[in-house]
């Protein structure tokens, strides 16, 4: 009788050990699957990262617009300076021609 009980207890313990091992394996498998799919916290992080990316993109776009406008203004300024320089040279040439004419007009004629 005692031998039968010991044998039964040993079988029960072995069965419990096997069930525990199966449960541990199941928990590990479940853990792996859980790692594969994003949790709500990860979803929040993803949204936060998306917002950060959106802000970065907005800053980059704004920066590009600023430099594009800056280049346009610089080009317009250079064009205006060249035009002013041409006008000044033309005026200087006109003044020199007038001076020559005036000098020639002052010379006595023989």
PDB file of N, CA and C in Angstrom:
ATOM      1  N   UNK A   1       0.824  -1.202   0.000  1.00  0.00           N
ATOM      2  CA  UNK A   1       0.000   0.000   0.000  1.00  0.00           C
ATOM      3  C   UNK A   1       0.873   1.274   0.000  1.00  0.00           C
ATOM      4  N   UNK A   2       1.834   1.324   0.924  1.00  0.00           N
ATOM      5  CA  UNK A   2       2.757   2.459   1.025  1.00  0.00           C
ATOM      6  C   UNK A   2       3.546   2.622  -0.277  1.00  0.00           C
ATOM      7  N   UNK A   3       3.984   1.538  -0.817  1.00  0.00           N
ATOM      8  CA  UNK A   3       4.735   1.549  -2.073  1.00  0.00           C
ATOM      9  C   UNK A   3       3.864   2.111  -3.195  1.00  0.00           C
ATOM     10  N   UNK A   4       2.602   1.735  -3.194  1.00  0.00           N
ATOM     11  CA  UNK A   4       1.664   2.200  -4.218  1.00  0.00           C
ATOM     12  C   UNK A   4       1.496   3.721  -4.118  1.00  0.00           C
ATOM     13  N   UNK A   5       1.354   4.235  -2.860  1.00  0.00           N
ATOM     14  CA  UNK A   5       1.202   5.683  -2.651  1.00  0.00           C
ATOM     15  C   UNK A   5       2.444   6.442  -3.124  1.00  0.00           C
ATOM     16  N   UNK A   6       3.636   5.936  -2.754  1.00  0.00           N
ATOM     17  CA  UNK A   6       4.881   6.572  -3.176  1.00  0.00           C
ATOM     18  C   UNK A   6       4.968   6.618  -4.697  1.00  0.00           C
ATOM     19  N   UNK A   7       4.622   5.521  -5.297  1.00  0.00           N
ATOM     20  CA  UNK A   7       4.659   5.447  -6.760  1.00  0.00           C
ATOM     21  C   UNK A   7       3.676   6.469  -7.359  1.00  0.00           C
ATOM     22  N   UNK A   8       2.478   6.590  -6.781  1.00  0.00           N
ATOM     23  CA  UNK A   8       1.463   7.532  -7.256  1.00  0.00           C
ATOM     24  C   UNK A   8       1.947   8.979  -7.075  1.00  0.00           C
ATOM     25  N   UNK A   9       2.546   9.264  -5.870  1.00  0.00           N
ATOM     26  CA  UNK A   9       3.084  10.606  -5.617  1.00  0.00           C
ATOM     27  C   UNK A   9       4.173  10.956  -6.621  1.00  0.00           C
ATOM     28  N   UNK A  10       5.035  10.018  -6.892  1.00  0.00           N
ATOM     29  CA  UNK A  10       6.117  10.248  -7.847  1.00  0.00           C
ATOM     30  C   UNK A  10       5.535  10.538  -9.230  1.00  0.00           C
ATOM     31  N   UNK A  11       4.523   9.789  -9.615  1.00  0.00           N
ATOM     32  CA  UNK A  11       3.878  10.030 -10.917  1.00  0.00           C
ATOM     33  C   UNK A  11       3.230  11.417 -10.953  1.00  0.00           C
ATOM     34  N   UNK A  12       2.545  11.800  -9.849  1.00  0.00           N
ATOM     35  CA  UNK A  12       1.900  13.121  -9.770  1.00  0.00           C
ATOM     36  C   UNK A  12       2.934  14.244  -9.867  1.00  0.00           C
ATOM     37  N   UNK A  13       4.046  14.081  -9.126  1.00  0.00           N
ATOM     38  CA  UNK A  13       5.109  15.101  -9.183  1.00  0.00           C
ATOM     39  C   UNK A  13       5.672  15.222 -10.594  1.00  0.00           C
ATOM     40  N   UNK A  14       5.899  14.072 -11.216  1.00  0.00           N
ATOM     41  CA  UNK A  14       6.425  14.088 -12.590  1.00  0.00           C
ATOM     42  C   UNK A  14       5.438  14.772 -13.528  1.00  0.00           C
ATOM     43  N   UNK A  15       4.141  14.476 -13.347  1.00  0.00           N
ATOM     44  CA  UNK A  15       3.118  15.100 -14.189  1.00  0.00           C
ATOM     45  C   UNK A  15       3.095  16.612 -13.958  1.00  0.00           C
ATOM     46  N   UNK A  16       3.194  17.040 -12.672  1.00  0.00           N
ATOM     47  CA  UNK A  16       3.222  18.467 -12.344  1.00  0.00           C
ATOM     48  C   UNK A  16       4.437  19.136 -12.977  1.00  0.00           C
ATOM     49  N   UNK A  17       5.592  18.478 -12.885  1.00  0.00           N
ATOM     50  CA  UNK A  17       6.804  19.024 -13.484  1.00  0.00           C
ATOM     51  C   UNK A  17       6.628  19.214 -14.988  1.00  0.00           C
ATOM     52  N   UNK A  18       6.063  18.231 -15.623  1.00  0.00           N
ATOM     53  CA  UNK A  18       5.846  18.313 -17.074  1.00  0.00           C
ATOM     54  C   UNK A  18       4.861  19.433 -17.407  1.00  0.00           C
ATOM     55  N   UNK A  19       3.774  19.536 -16.623  1.00  0.00           N
ATOM     56  CA  UNK A  19       2.798  20.601 -16.861  1.00  0.00           C
ATOM     57  C   UNK A  19       3.438  21.977 -16.673  1.00  0.00           C
ATOM     58  N   UNK A  20       4.261  22.082 -15.610  1.00  0.00           N
ATOM     59  CA  UNK A  20       4.958  23.348 -15.354  1.00  0.00           C
ATOM     60  C   UNK A  20       5.879  23.687 -16.529  1.00  0.00           C
ATOM     61  N   UNK A  21       6.613  22.672 -17.003  1.00  0.00           N
ATOM     62  CA  UNK A  21       7.518  22.897 -18.130  1.00  0.00           C
ATOM     63  C   UNK A  21       6.730  23.332 -19.362  1.00  0.00           C
ATOM     64  N   UNK A  22       5.594  22.684 -19.606  1.00  0.00           N
ATOM     65  CA  UNK A  22       4.763  23.051 -20.758  1.00  0.00           C
ATOM     66  C   UNK A  22       4.280  24.488 -20.606  1.00  0.00           C
ATOM     67  N   UNK A  23       3.840  24.850 -19.373  1.00  0.00           N
ATOM     68  CA  UNK A  23       3.367  26.225 -19.138  1.00  0.00           C
ATOM     69  C   UNK A  23       4.491  27.229 -19.360  1.00  0.00           C
ATOM     70  N   UNK A  24       5.692  26.917 -18.872  1.00  0.00           N
ATOM     71  CA  UNK A  24       6.825  27.825 -19.056  1.00  0.00           C
ATOM     72  C   UNK A  24       7.123  28.026 -20.541  1.00  0.00           C
ATOM     73  N   UNK A  25       7.089  26.938 -21.291  1.00  0.00           N
ATOM     74  CA  UNK A  25       7.330  27.034 -22.729  1.00  0.00           C
ATOM     75  C   UNK A  25       6.242  27.890 -23.378  1.00  0.00           C
ATOM     76  N   UNK A  26       4.982  27.653 -22.956  1.00  0.00           N
ATOM     77  CA  UNK A  26       3.872  28.431 -23.512  1.00  0.00           C
ATOM     78  C   UNK A  26       4.046  29.918 -23.202  1.00  0.00           C
ATOM     79  N   UNK A  27       4.456  30.210 -21.960  1.00  0.00           N
ATOM     80  CA  UNK A  27       4.672  31.608 -21.571  1.00  0.00           C
ATOM     81  C   UNK A  27       5.794  32.220 -22.409  1.00  0.00           C
ATOM     82  N   UNK A  28       6.885  31.466 -22.614  1.00  0.00           N
ATOM     83  CA  UNK A  28       7.985  31.965 -23.446  1.00  0.00           C
ATOM     84  C   UNK A  28       7.514  32.247 -24.865  1.00  0.00           C
ATOM     85  N   UNK A  29       6.738  31.307 -25.418  1.00  0.00           N
ATOM     86  CA  UNK A  29       6.217  31.499 -26.778  1.00  0.00           C
ATOM     87  C   UNK A  29       5.321  32.726 -26.838  1.00  0.00           C
ATOM     88  N   UNK A  30       4.446  32.851 -25.817  1.00  0.00           N
ATOM     89  CA  UNK A  30       3.561  34.006 -25.772  1.00  0.00           C
ATOM     90  C   UNK A  30       4.389  35.282 -25.690  1.00  0.00           C
ATOM     91  N   UNK A  31       5.454  35.265 -24.894  1.00  0.00           N
ATOM     92  CA  UNK A  31       6.341  36.420 -24.766  1.00  0.00           C
ATOM     93  C   UNK A  31       6.957  36.788 -26.102  1.00  0.00           C
ATOM     94  N   UNK A  32       7.379  35.781 -26.853  1.00  0.00           N
ATOM     95  CA  UNK A  32       7.965  36.046 -28.168  1.00  0.00           C
ATOM     96  C   UNK A  32       6.946  36.715 -29.070  1.00  0.00           C
ATOM     97  N   UNK A  33       5.741  36.175 -29.078  1.00  0.00           N
ATOM     98  CA  UNK A  33       4.707  36.751 -29.931  1.00  0.00           C
ATOM     99  C   UNK A  33       4.403  38.175 -29.502  1.00  0.00           C
ATOM    100  N   UNK A  34       4.364  38.424 -28.211  1.00  0.00           N
ATOM    101  CA  UNK A  34       4.076  39.757 -27.693  1.00  0.00           C
ATOM    102  C   UNK A  34       5.171  40.730 -28.131  1.00  0.00           C
ATOM    103  N   UNK A  35       6.414  40.248 -28.149  1.00  0.00           N
ATOM    104  CA  UNK A  35       7.511  41.116 -28.590  1.00  0.00           C
ATOM    105  C   UNK A  35       7.332  41.506 -30.052  1.00  0.00           C
ATOM    106  N   UNK A  36       6.809  40.565 -30.847  1.00  0.00           N
ATOM    107  CA  UNK A  36       6.639  40.826 -32.269  1.00  0.00           C
ATOM    108  C   UNK A  36       5.589  41.893 -32.535  1.00  0.00           C
ATOM    109  N   UNK A  37       4.525  41.909 -31.724  1.00  0.00           N
ATOM    110  CA  UNK A  37       3.463  42.884 -32.005  1.00  0.00           C
ATOM    111  C   UNK A  37       3.604  44.067 -31.057  1.00  0.00           C
ATOM    112  N   UNK A  38       3.484  45.278 -31.573  1.00  0.00           N
ATOM    113  CA  UNK A  38       3.690  46.464 -30.733  1.00  0.00           C
ATOM    114  C   UNK A  38       2.611  46.599 -29.661  1.00  0.00           C
ATOM    115  N   UNK A  39       3.055  46.977 -28.493  1.00  0.00           N
ATOM    116  CA  UNK A  39       2.109  47.200 -27.400  1.00  0.00           C
ATOM    117  C   UNK A  39       1.553  48.607 -27.531  1.00  0.00           C
ATOM    118  N   UNK A  40       0.500  48.929 -26.767  1.00  0.00           N
ATOM    119  CA  UNK A  40      -0.033  50.302 -26.828  1.00  0.00           C
ATOM    120  C   UNK A  40       1.033  51.349 -26.518  1.00  0.00           C
ATOM    121  N   UNK A  41       1.923  51.043 -25.577  1.00  0.00           N
ATOM    122  CA  UNK A  41       2.993  51.993 -25.245  1.00  0.00           C
ATOM    123  C   UNK A  41       3.852  52.244 -26.485  1.00  0.00           C
ATOM    124  N   UNK A  42       4.162  51.166 -27.206  1.00  0.00           N
ATOM    125  CA  UNK A  42       4.961  51.312 -28.421  1.00  0.00           C
ATOM    126  C   UNK A  42       4.188  52.140 -29.436  1.00  0.00           C
ATOM    127  N   UNK A  43       2.885  51.954 -29.494  1.00  0.00           N
ATOM    128  CA  UNK A  43       2.055  52.753 -30.389  1.00  0.00           C
ATOM    129  C   UNK A  43       2.153  54.225 -30.055  1.00  0.00           C
ATOM    130  N   UNK A  44       2.114  54.523 -28.746  1.00  0.00           N
ATOM    131  CA  UNK A  44       2.258  55.920 -28.305  1.00  0.00           C
ATOM    132  C   UNK A  44       3.610  56.453 -28.713  1.00  0.00           C
ATOM    133  N   UNK A  45       4.638  55.635 -28.501  1.00  0.00           N
ATOM    134  CA  UNK A  45       5.980  56.064 -28.881  1.00  0.00           C
ATOM    135  C   UNK A  45       6.052  56.313 -30.382  1.00  0.00           C
ATOM    136  N   UNK A  46       5.397  55.443 -31.156  1.00  0.00           N
ATOM    137  CA  UNK A  46       5.396  55.600 -32.608  1.00  0.00           C
ATOM    138  C   UNK A  46       4.741  56.917 -32.993  1.00  0.00           C
ATOM    139  N   UNK A  47       3.611  57.235 -32.357  1.00  0.00           N
ATOM    140  CA  UNK A  47       2.939  58.503 -32.652  1.00  0.00           C
ATOM    141  C   UNK A  47       3.839  59.672 -32.273  1.00  0.00           C
ATOM    142  N   UNK A  48       4.500  59.545 -31.126  1.00  0.00           N
ATOM    143  CA  UNK A  48       5.394  60.620 -30.677  1.00  0.00           C
ATOM    144  C   UNK A  48       6.536  60.804 -31.679  1.00  0.00           C
ATOM    145  N   UNK A  49       7.113  59.690 -32.139  1.00  0.00           N
ATOM    146  CA  UNK A  49       8.195  59.759 -33.120  1.00  0.00           C
ATOM    147  C   UNK A  49       7.679  60.385 -34.421  1.00  0.00           C
ATOM    148  N   UNK A  50       6.459  60.031 -34.803  1.00  0.00           N
ATOM    149  CA  UNK A  50       5.879  60.605 -36.023  1.00  0.00           C
ATOM    150  C   UNK A  50       5.733  62.118 -35.872  1.00  0.00           C
ATOM    151  N   UNK A  51       5.298  62.553 -34.681  1.00  0.00           N
ATOM    152  CA  UNK A  51       5.177  63.998 -34.443  1.00  0.00           C
ATOM    153  C   UNK A  51       6.537  64.678 -34.525  1.00  0.00           C
ATOM    154  N   UNK A  52       7.539  64.045 -33.925  1.00  0.00           N
ATOM    155  CA  UNK A  52       8.897  64.604 -33.947  1.00  0.00           C
ATOM    156  C   UNK A  52       9.391  64.685 -35.397  1.00  0.00           C
ATOM    157  N   UNK A  53       9.171  63.604 -36.173  1.00  0.00           N
ATOM    158  CA  UNK A  53       9.577  63.603 -37.581  1.00  0.00           C
ATOM    159  C   UNK A  53       8.860  64.707 -38.345  1.00  0.00           C
ATOM    160  N   UNK A  54       7.567  64.879 -38.052  1.00  0.00           N
ATOM    161  CA  UNK A  54       6.783  65.908 -38.734  1.00  0.00           C
ATOM    162  C   UNK A  54       7.363  67.287 -38.430  1.00  0.00           C
ATOM    163  N   UNK A  55       7.713  67.528 -37.147  1.00  0.00           N
ATOM    164  CA  UNK A  55       8.302  68.812 -36.773  1.00  0.00           C
ATOM    165  C   UNK A  55       9.643  69.009 -37.468  1.00  0.00           C
ATOM    166  N   UNK A  56      10.462  67.943 -37.525  1.00  0.00           N
ATOM    167  CA  UNK A  56      11.754  68.039 -38.199  1.00  0.00           C
ATOM    168  C   UNK A  56      11.559  68.378 -39.673  1.00  0.00           C
ATOM    169  N   UNK A  57      10.602  67.694 -40.316  1.00  0.00           N
ATOM    170  CA  UNK A  57      10.323  67.963 -41.730  1.00  0.00           C
ATOM    171  C   UNK A  57       9.875  69.401 -41.924  1.00  0.00           C
ATOM    172  N   UNK A  58       9.025  69.888 -41.012  1.00  0.00           N
ATOM    173  CA  UNK A  58       8.535  71.272 -41.097  1.00  0.00           C
ATOM    174  C   UNK A  58       9.703  72.252 -40.963  1.00  0.00           C
ATOM    175  N   UNK A  59      10.596  71.979 -39.993  1.00  0.00           N
ATOM    176  CA  UNK A  59      11.763  72.851 -39.809  1.00  0.00           C
ATOM    177  C   UNK A  59      12.637  72.841 -41.060  1.00  0.00           C
ATOM    178  N   UNK A  60      12.855  71.648 -41.621  1.00  0.00           N
ATOM    179  CA  UNK A  60      13.689  71.518 -42.815  1.00  0.00           C
ATOM    180  C   UNK A  60      13.068  72.287 -43.980  1.00  0.00           C
ATOM    181  N   UNK A  61      11.754  72.141 -44.167  1.00  0.00           N
ATOM    182  CA  UNK A  61      11.052  72.841 -45.245  1.00  0.00           C
ATOM    183  C   UNK A  61      11.162  74.353 -45.046  1.00  0.00           C
ATOM    184  N   UNK A  62      10.977  74.782 -43.807  1.00  0.00           N
ATOM    185  CA  UNK A  62      11.059  76.202 -43.482  1.00  0.00           C
ATOM    186  C   UNK A  62      12.468  76.730 -43.765  1.00  0.00           C
ATOM    187  N   UNK A  63      13.464  75.946 -43.380  1.00  0.00           N
ATOM    188  CA  UNK A  63      14.859  76.339 -43.608  1.00  0.00           C
ATOM    189  C   UNK A  63      15.134  76.462 -45.108  1.00  0.00           C
ATOM    190  N   UNK A  64      14.661  75.472 -45.883  1.00  0.00           N
ATOM    191  CA  UNK A  64      14.870  75.512 -47.337  1.00  0.00           C
ATOM    192  C   UNK A  64      14.181  76.721 -47.951  1.00  0.00           C
ATOM    193  N   UNK A  65      12.953  77.012 -47.502  1.00  0.00           N
ATOM    194  CA  UNK A  65      12.237  78.185 -48.012  1.00  0.00           C
ATOM    195  C   UNK A  65      13.007  79.463 -47.696  1.00  0.00           C
ATOM    196  N   UNK A  66      13.523  79.548 -46.458  1.00  0.00           N
ATOM    197  CA  UNK A  66      14.274  80.735 -46.061  1.00  0.00           C
ATOM    198  C   UNK A  66      15.478  80.944 -46.974  1.00  0.00           C
ATOM    199  N   UNK A  67      16.269  79.872 -47.181  1.00  0.00           N
ATOM    200  CA  UNK A  67      17.479  80.022 -47.984  1.00  0.00           C
ATOM    201  C   UNK A  67      17.144  80.283 -49.452  1.00  0.00           C
ATOM    202  N   UNK A  68      16.050  79.694 -49.948  1.00  0.00           N
ATOM    203  CA  UNK A  68      15.621  79.962 -51.329  1.00  0.00           C
ATOM    204  C   UNK A  68      15.287  81.446 -51.477  1.00  0.00           C
ATOM    205  N   UNK A  69      14.518  81.970 -50.520  1.00  0.00           N
ATOM    206  CA  UNK A  69      14.141  83.394 -50.557  1.00  0.00           C
ATOM    207  C   UNK A  69      15.390  84.274 -50.418  1.00  0.00           C
ATOM    208  N   UNK A  70      16.298  83.868 -49.521  1.00  0.00           N
ATOM    209  CA  UNK A  70      17.544  84.608 -49.318  1.00  0.00           C
ATOM    210  C   UNK A  70      18.326  84.697 -50.626  1.00  0.00           C
ATOM    211  N   UNK A  71      18.447  83.559 -51.332  1.00  0.00           N
ATOM    212  CA  UNK A  71      19.161  83.545 -52.617  1.00  0.00           C
ATOM    213  C   UNK A  71      18.475  84.457 -53.632  1.00  0.00           C
ATOM    214  N   UNK A  72      17.135  84.436 -53.643  1.00  0.00           N
ATOM    215  CA  UNK A  72      16.403  85.309 -54.563  1.00  0.00           C
ATOM    216  C   UNK A  72      16.707  86.777 -54.269  1.00  0.00           C
ATOM    217  N   UNK A  73      16.677  87.141 -53.002  1.00  0.00           N
ATOM    218  CA  UNK A  73      16.933  88.533 -52.605  1.00  0.00           C
ATOM    219  C   UNK A  73      18.361  88.927 -52.981  1.00  0.00           C
ATOM    220  N   UNK A  74      19.316  88.012 -52.708  1.00  0.00           N
ATOM    221  CA  UNK A  74      20.715  88.306 -53.048  1.00  0.00           C
ATOM    222  C   UNK A  74      20.880  88.501 -54.560  1.00  0.00           C
ATOM    223  N   UNK A  75      20.247  87.633 -55.354  1.00  0.00           N
ATOM    224  CA  UNK A  75      20.349  87.739 -56.811  1.00  0.00           C
ATOM    225  C   UNK A  75      19.745  89.065 -57.280  1.00  0.00           C
ATOM    226  N   UNK A  76      18.603  89.436 -56.713  1.00  0.00           N
ATOM    227  CA  UNK A  76      17.951  90.710 -57.078  1.00  0.00           C
ATOM    228  C   UNK A  76      18.866  91.881 -56.704  1.00  0.00           C
ATOM    229  N   UNK A  77      19.478  91.807 -55.536  1.00  0.00           N
ATOM    230  CA  UNK A  77      20.381  92.873 -55.089  1.00  0.00           C
ATOM    231  C   UNK A  77      21.577  92.992 -56.032  1.00  0.00           C
ATOM    232  N   UNK A  78      22.159  91.841 -56.406  1.00  0.00           N
ATOM    233  CA  UNK A  78      23.308  91.876 -57.341  1.00  0.00           C
ATOM    234  C   UNK A  78      22.887  92.477 -58.685  1.00  0.00           C
ATOM    235  N   UNK A  79      21.720  92.067 -59.194  1.00  0.00           N
ATOM    236  CA  UNK A  79      21.228  92.588 -60.469  1.00  0.00           C
ATOM    237  C   UNK A  79      21.049  94.106 -60.390  1.00  0.00           C
ATOM    238  N   UNK A  80      20.478  94.566 -59.264  1.00  0.00           N
ATOM    239  CA  UNK A  80      20.248  96.002 -59.080  1.00  0.00           C
ATOM    240  C   UNK A  80      21.578  96.753 -59.008  1.00  0.00           C
ATOM    241  N   UNK A  81      22.556  96.178 -58.295  1.00  0.00           N
ATOM    242  CA  UNK A  81      23.871  96.824 -58.195  1.00  0.00           C
ATOM    243  C   UNK A  81      24.541  96.918 -59.562  1.00  0.00           C
ATOM    244  N   UNK A  82      24.434  95.844 -60.369  1.00  0.00           N
ATOM    245  CA  UNK A  82      25.027  95.863 -61.713  1.00  0.00           C
ATOM    246  C   UNK A  82      24.354  96.929 -62.573  1.00  0.00           C
ATOM    247  N   UNK A  83      23.043  97.009 -62.466  1.00  0.00           N
ATOM    248  CA  UNK A  83      22.304  98.011 -63.247  1.00  0.00           C
ATOM    249  C   UNK A  83      22.715  99.420 -62.817  1.00  0.00           C
ATOM    250  N   UNK A  84      22.804  99.657 -61.509  1.00  0.00           N
ATOM    251  CA  UNK A  84      23.228 100.968 -61.003  1.00  0.00           C
ATOM    252  C   UNK A  84      24.642 101.295 -61.471  1.00  0.00           C
ATOM    253  N   UNK A  85      25.515 100.274 -61.468  1.00  0.00           N
ATOM    254  CA  UNK A  85      26.894 100.471 -61.895  1.00  0.00           C
ATOM    255  C   UNK A  85      26.943 100.856 -63.376  1.00  0.00           C
ATOM    256  N   UNK A  86      26.127 100.178 -64.207  1.00  0.00           N
ATOM    257  CA  UNK A  86      26.075 100.515 -65.648  1.00  0.00           C
ATOM    258  C   UNK A  86      25.574 101.943 -65.849  1.00  0.00           C
ATOM    259  N   UNK A  87      24.547 102.316 -65.088  1.00  0.00           N
ATOM    260  CA  UNK A  87      24.015 103.687 -65.205  1.00  0.00           C
ATOM    261  C   UNK A  87      25.074 104.708 -64.820  1.00  0.00           C
ATOM    262  N   UNK A  88      25.792 104.426 -63.724  1.00  0.00           N
ATOM    263  CA  UNK A  88      26.825 105.355 -63.259  1.00  0.00           C
ATOM    264  C   UNK A  88      27.937 105.476 -64.314  1.00  0.00           C
ATOM    265  N   UNK A  89      28.324 104.356 -64.897  1.00  0.00           N
ATOM    266  CA  UNK A  89      29.370 104.396 -65.928  1.00  0.00           C
ATOM    267  C   UNK A  89      28.888 105.190 -67.134  1.00  0.00           C
ATOM    268  N   UNK A  90      27.634 105.001 -67.501  1.00  0.00           N
ATOM    269  CA  UNK A  90      27.063 105.731 -68.638  1.00  0.00           C
ATOM    270  C   UNK A  90      27.038 107.232 -68.351  1.00  0.00           C
ATOM    271  N   UNK A  91      26.634 107.587 -67.123  1.00  0.00           N
ATOM    272  CA  UNK A  91      26.605 109.010 -66.747  1.00  0.00           C
ATOM    273  C   UNK A  91      28.011 109.592 -66.743  1.00  0.00           C
ATOM    274  N   UNK A  92      28.966 108.834 -66.238  1.00  0.00           N
ATOM    275  CA  UNK A  92      30.350 109.298 -66.205  1.00  0.00           C
ATOM    276  C   UNK A  92      30.858 109.539 -67.634  1.00  0.00           C
ATOM    277  N   UNK A  93      30.540 108.593 -68.515  1.00  0.00           N
ATOM    278  CA  UNK A  93      30.952 108.740 -69.915  1.00  0.00           C
ATOM    279  C   UNK A  93      30.331 109.995 -70.527  1.00  0.00           C
ATOM    280  N   UNK A  94      29.055 110.231 -70.229  1.00  0.00           N
ATOM    281  CA  UNK A  94      28.376 111.430 -70.756  1.00  0.00           C
ATOM    282  C   UNK A  94      29.044 112.687 -70.238  1.00  0.00           C
ATOM    283  N   UNK A  95      29.378 112.718 -68.948  1.00  0.00           N
ATOM    284  CA  UNK A  95      30.042 113.885 -68.373  1.00  0.00           C
ATOM    285  C   UNK A  95      31.402 114.125 -69.021  1.00  0.00           C
ATOM    286  N   UNK A  96      32.148 113.041 -69.221  1.00  0.00           N
ATOM    287  CA  UNK A  96      33.469 113.185 -69.854  1.00  0.00           C
ATOM    288  C   UNK A  96      33.322 113.736 -71.276  1.00  0.00           C
ATOM    289  N   UNK A  97      32.325 113.232 -72.001  1.00  0.00           N
ATOM    290  CA  UNK A  97      32.095 113.742 -73.372  1.00  0.00           C
ATOM    291  C   UNK A  97      31.750 115.228 -73.344  1.00  0.00           C
ATOM    292  N   UNK A  98      30.902 115.629 -72.374  1.00  0.00           N
ATOM    293  CA  UNK A  98      30.552 117.039 -72.255  1.00  0.00           C
ATOM    294  C   UNK A  98      31.790 117.876 -71.946  1.00  0.00           C
ATOM    295  N   UNK A  99      32.635 117.344 -71.059  1.00  0.00           N
ATOM    296  CA  UNK A  99      33.846 118.060 -70.679  1.00  0.00           C
ATOM    297  C   UNK A  99      34.755 118.251 -71.896  1.00  0.00           C
ATOM    298  N   UNK A 100      34.857 117.190 -72.706  1.00  0.00           N
ATOM    299  CA  UNK A 100      35.685 117.278 -73.916  1.00  0.00           C
ATOM    300  C   UNK A 100      35.107 118.339 -74.859  1.00  0.00           C
ATOM    301  N   UNK A 101      33.801 118.276 -75.037  1.00  0.00           N
ATOM    302  CA  UNK A 101      33.159 119.257 -75.916  1.00  0.00           C
ATOM    303  C   UNK A 101      33.368 120.678 -75.386  1.00  0.00           C
ATOM    304  N   UNK A 102      33.248 120.843 -74.106  1.00  0.00           N
ATOM    305  CA  UNK A 102      33.434 122.158 -73.493  1.00  0.00           C
ATOM    306  C   UNK A 102      34.860 122.644 -73.692  1.00  0.00           C
ATOM    307  N   UNK A 103      35.836 121.743 -73.478  1.00  0.00           N
ATOM    308  CA  UNK A 103      37.235 122.075 -73.663  1.00  0.00           C
ATOM    309  C   UNK A 103      37.499 122.446 -75.115  1.00  0.00           C
ATOM    310  N   UNK A 104      36.961 121.673 -76.040  1.00  0.00           N
ATOM    311  CA  UNK A 104      37.159 121.941 -77.466  1.00  0.00           C
ATOM    312  C   UNK A 104      36.515 123.295 -77.829  1.00  0.00           C
ATOM    313  N   UNK A 105      35.354 123.555 -77.249  1.00  0.00           N
ATOM    314  CA  UNK A 105      34.639 124.802 -77.536  1.00  0.00           C
ATOM    315  C   UNK A 105      35.422 126.012 -77.027  1.00  0.00           C
ATOM    316  N   UNK A 106      36.158 125.826 -75.918  1.00  0.00           N
ATOM    317  CA  UNK A 106      36.922 126.938 -75.346  1.00  0.00           C
ATOM    318  C   UNK A 106      38.186 127.262 -76.149  1.00  0.00           C
ATOM    319  N   UNK A 107      38.696 126.262 -76.888  1.00  0.00           N
ATOM    320  CA  UNK A 107      39.958 126.486 -77.635  1.00  0.00           C
ATOM    321  C   UNK A 107      39.738 127.545 -78.692  1.00  0.00           C
ATOM    322  N   UNK A 108      40.696 128.418 -78.794  1.00  0.00           N
ATOM    323  CA  UNK A 108      40.536 129.471 -79.820  1.00  0.00           C
ATOM    324  C   UNK A 108      40.657 128.897 -81.209  1.00  0.00           C
ATOM    325  N   UNK A 109      39.910 129.405 -82.085  1.00  0.00           N
ATOM    326  CA  UNK A 109      39.983 128.949 -83.472  1.00  0.00           C
ATOM    327  C   UNK A 109      40.875 129.920 -84.245  1.00  0.00           C
ATOM    328  N   UNK A 110      41.728 129.366 -85.037  1.00  0.00           N
ATOM    329  CA  UNK A 110      42.672 130.191 -85.812  1.00  0.00           C
ATOM    330  C   UNK A 110      42.093 130.600 -87.138  1.00  0.00           C
TER     331      UNK A 110
END
